[in-house]
Amino acid sequence: METDAAEHKAYWRKNLTITWLALLLWAAVTVLIGLYAREARELTVIYAIITGLYGWYLSRQDRFYGC
């Protein structure tokens, strides 16, 4: 039982870490590129990449931990 609890805790720690990193990256991109970009096309592409990488990583974590 302790192993299951430890794996569950590790899963959620990684999940929350990647979520916070994605949000911080999203905010940084919004501020930095938003200040210099004239059009929002660049932001849309970058947001799509961030979202895709986030989904890919979480799917990989789900498979690793058997969720």
N, C-alpha and C. Protein backbone atom coordinates (compact mmCIF):
# COMPACT_ATOMS: atom_id res chain seq x y z
N MET A 1 0.80 -1.20 0.00
CA MET A 1 0.00 0.00 0.00
C MET A 1 0.85 1.27 0.00
N GLU A 2 1.99 1.22 0.68
CA GLU A 2 2.84 2.41 0.73
C GLU A 2 3.37 2.76 -0.66
N THR A 3 3.65 1.73 -1.46
CA THR A 3 4.16 1.97 -2.81
C THR A 3 3.10 2.68 -3.65
N ASP A 4 1.85 2.25 -3.54
CA ASP A 4 0.77 2.90 -4.28
C ASP A 4 0.62 4.36 -3.87
N ALA A 5 0.71 4.63 -2.58
CA ALA A 5 0.58 6.00 -2.10
C ALA A 5 1.76 6.84 -2.58
N ALA A 6 2.95 6.26 -2.57
CA ALA A 6 4.14 6.98 -3.03
C ALA A 6 4.05 7.25 -4.53
N GLU A 7 3.59 6.28 -5.31
CA GLU A 7 3.44 6.48 -6.75
C GLU A 7 2.38 7.53 -7.05
N HIS A 8 1.30 7.48 -6.29
CA HIS A 8 0.22 8.46 -6.47
C HIS A 8 0.73 9.87 -6.17
N LYS A 9 1.50 10.00 -5.10
CA LYS A 9 2.07 11.30 -4.73
C LYS A 9 3.06 11.78 -5.80
N ALA A 10 3.90 10.88 -6.29
CA ALA A 10 4.86 11.24 -7.34
C ALA A 10 4.15 11.66 -8.62
N TYR A 11 3.08 10.94 -8.97
CA TYR A 11 2.30 11.26 -10.17
C TYR A 11 1.75 12.68 -10.07
N TRP A 12 1.13 12.99 -8.94
CA TRP A 12 0.53 14.31 -8.80
C TRP A 12 1.57 15.41 -8.66
N ARG A 13 2.71 15.11 -8.07
CA ARG A 13 3.77 16.10 -7.98
C ARG A 13 4.25 16.47 -9.38
N LYS A 14 4.47 15.46 -10.22
CA LYS A 14 4.91 15.72 -11.60
C LYS A 14 3.82 16.44 -12.39
N ASN A 15 2.58 16.02 -12.18
CA ASN A 15 1.46 16.63 -12.88
C ASN A 15 1.35 18.11 -12.53
N LEU A 16 1.41 18.45 -11.25
CA LEU A 16 1.32 19.85 -10.84
C LEU A 16 2.53 20.65 -11.28
N THR A 17 3.70 20.04 -11.26
CA THR A 17 4.91 20.73 -11.70
C THR A 17 4.82 21.12 -13.16
N ILE A 18 4.42 20.19 -14.02
CA ILE A 18 4.33 20.49 -15.44
C ILE A 18 3.21 21.49 -15.72
N THR A 19 2.14 21.43 -14.93
CA THR A 19 1.05 22.39 -15.09
C THR A 19 1.52 23.80 -14.77
N TRP A 20 2.23 23.95 -13.65
CA TRP A 20 2.75 25.27 -13.28
C TRP A 20 3.77 25.77 -14.29
N LEU A 21 4.63 24.88 -14.78
CA LEU A 21 5.61 25.30 -15.79
C LEU A 21 4.93 25.77 -17.06
N ALA A 22 3.89 25.04 -17.47
CA ALA A 22 3.16 25.44 -18.68
C ALA A 22 2.48 26.79 -18.49
N LEU A 23 1.91 27.01 -17.31
CA LEU A 23 1.26 28.30 -17.04
C LEU A 23 2.26 29.45 -17.00
N LEU A 24 3.42 29.19 -16.39
CA LEU A 24 4.45 30.22 -16.35
C LEU A 24 4.97 30.54 -17.75
N LEU A 25 5.18 29.50 -18.56
CA LEU A 25 5.62 29.71 -19.93
C LEU A 25 4.57 30.48 -20.72
N TRP A 26 3.31 30.10 -20.52
CA TRP A 26 2.20 30.77 -21.20
C TRP A 26 2.18 32.26 -20.85
N ALA A 27 2.33 32.57 -19.55
CA ALA A 27 2.33 33.97 -19.10
C ALA A 27 3.54 34.72 -19.66
N ALA A 28 4.70 34.10 -19.64
CA ALA A 28 5.91 34.75 -20.15
C ALA A 28 5.77 35.05 -21.63
N VAL A 29 5.25 34.10 -22.38
CA VAL A 29 5.05 34.31 -23.82
C VAL A 29 4.06 35.43 -24.06
N THR A 30 2.99 35.45 -23.28
CA THR A 30 1.98 36.49 -23.44
C THR A 30 2.57 37.87 -23.21
N VAL A 31 3.35 38.01 -22.16
CA VAL A 31 3.92 39.32 -21.83
C VAL A 31 5.02 39.71 -22.82
N LEU A 32 5.97 38.82 -23.02
CA LEU A 32 7.12 39.17 -23.85
C LEU A 32 6.77 39.37 -25.32
N ILE A 33 6.06 38.42 -25.88
CA ILE A 33 5.72 38.55 -27.30
C ILE A 33 4.59 39.55 -27.48
N GLY A 34 3.70 39.62 -26.50
CA GLY A 34 2.61 40.59 -26.58
C GLY A 34 3.10 42.01 -26.63
N LEU A 35 4.24 42.27 -26.02
CA LEU A 35 4.79 43.62 -26.04
C LEU A 35 5.38 43.98 -27.40
N TYR A 36 5.90 43.00 -28.10
CA TYR A 36 6.64 43.26 -29.33
C TYR A 36 5.90 42.86 -30.61
N ALA A 37 4.95 41.97 -30.51
CA ALA A 37 4.26 41.48 -31.70
C ALA A 37 3.14 42.45 -32.10
N ARG A 38 3.02 42.65 -33.38
CA ARG A 38 1.95 43.51 -33.89
C ARG A 38 0.66 42.71 -34.11
N GLU A 39 0.81 41.43 -34.38
CA GLU A 39 -0.35 40.58 -34.63
C GLU A 39 -0.29 39.37 -33.72
N ALA A 40 -1.42 38.74 -33.52
CA ALA A 40 -1.51 37.63 -32.58
C ALA A 40 -1.20 36.27 -33.21
N ARG A 41 -0.84 36.23 -34.49
CA ARG A 41 -0.58 34.94 -35.13
C ARG A 41 0.54 34.17 -34.46
N GLU A 42 1.59 34.87 -34.09
CA GLU A 42 2.72 34.20 -33.44
C GLU A 42 2.29 33.59 -32.12
N LEU A 43 1.48 34.31 -31.37
CA LEU A 43 1.01 33.81 -30.07
C LEU A 43 0.18 32.55 -30.24
N THR A 44 -0.68 32.53 -31.23
CA THR A 44 -1.54 31.37 -31.44
C THR A 44 -0.71 30.12 -31.71
N VAL A 45 0.31 30.24 -32.52
CA VAL A 45 1.17 29.09 -32.83
C VAL A 45 1.91 28.63 -31.58
N ILE A 46 2.45 29.57 -30.82
CA ILE A 46 3.19 29.22 -29.60
C ILE A 46 2.26 28.58 -28.58
N TYR A 47 1.04 29.11 -28.43
CA TYR A 47 0.08 28.51 -27.49
C TYR A 47 -0.27 27.09 -27.91
N ALA A 48 -0.41 26.87 -29.20
CA ALA A 48 -0.72 25.52 -29.70
C ALA A 48 0.43 24.55 -29.38
N ILE A 49 1.66 25.02 -29.53
CA ILE A 49 2.83 24.19 -29.22
C ILE A 49 2.88 23.88 -27.73
N ILE A 50 2.68 24.89 -26.89
CA ILE A 50 2.69 24.66 -25.44
C ILE A 50 1.61 23.66 -25.05
N THR A 51 0.41 23.84 -25.58
CA THR A 51 -0.70 22.95 -25.26
C THR A 51 -0.42 21.53 -25.75
N GLY A 52 0.12 21.39 -26.95
CA GLY A 52 0.44 20.07 -27.48
C GLY A 52 1.50 19.35 -26.66
N LEU A 53 2.55 20.07 -26.28
CA LEU A 53 3.60 19.47 -25.45
C LEU A 53 3.07 19.09 -24.07
N TYR A 54 2.22 19.93 -23.51
CA TYR A 54 1.60 19.65 -22.22
C TYR A 54 0.76 18.37 -22.29
N GLY A 55 -0.07 18.26 -23.30
CA GLY A 55 -0.90 17.07 -23.47
C GLY A 55 -0.07 15.82 -23.71
N TRP A 56 0.95 15.94 -24.54
CA TRP A 56 1.84 14.80 -24.82
C TRP A 56 2.52 14.32 -23.54
N TYR A 57 3.05 15.25 -22.75
CA TYR A 57 3.76 14.87 -21.52
C TYR A 57 2.81 14.23 -20.51
N LEU A 58 1.62 14.79 -20.35
CA LEU A 58 0.68 14.21 -19.39
C LEU A 58 0.20 12.83 -19.84
N SER A 59 0.03 12.64 -21.13
CA SER A 59 -0.35 11.31 -21.64
C SER A 59 0.76 10.30 -21.36
N ARG A 60 1.99 10.74 -21.54
CA ARG A 60 3.13 9.87 -21.26
C ARG A 60 3.18 9.51 -19.77
N GLN A 61 2.93 10.49 -18.91
CA GLN A 61 2.90 10.23 -17.47
C GLN A 61 1.77 9.27 -17.11
N ASP A 62 0.62 9.44 -17.72
CA ASP A 62 -0.51 8.55 -17.46
C ASP A 62 -0.17 7.11 -17.82
N ARG A 63 0.48 6.91 -18.96
CA ARG A 63 0.88 5.57 -19.37
C ARG A 63 1.93 5.00 -18.41
N PHE A 64 2.87 5.83 -17.99
CA PHE A 64 3.93 5.39 -17.09
C PHE A 64 3.37 4.94 -15.74
N TYR A 65 2.42 5.70 -15.22
CA TYR A 65 1.85 5.37 -13.91
C TYR A 65 0.59 4.50 -14.00
N GLY A 66 0.21 4.12 -15.20
CA GLY A 66 -0.92 3.22 -15.38
C GLY A 66 -2.26 3.84 -15.07
N CYS A 67 -2.41 5.10 -15.38
CA CYS A 67 -3.68 5.79 -15.10
C CYS A 67 -4.63 5.64 -16.27
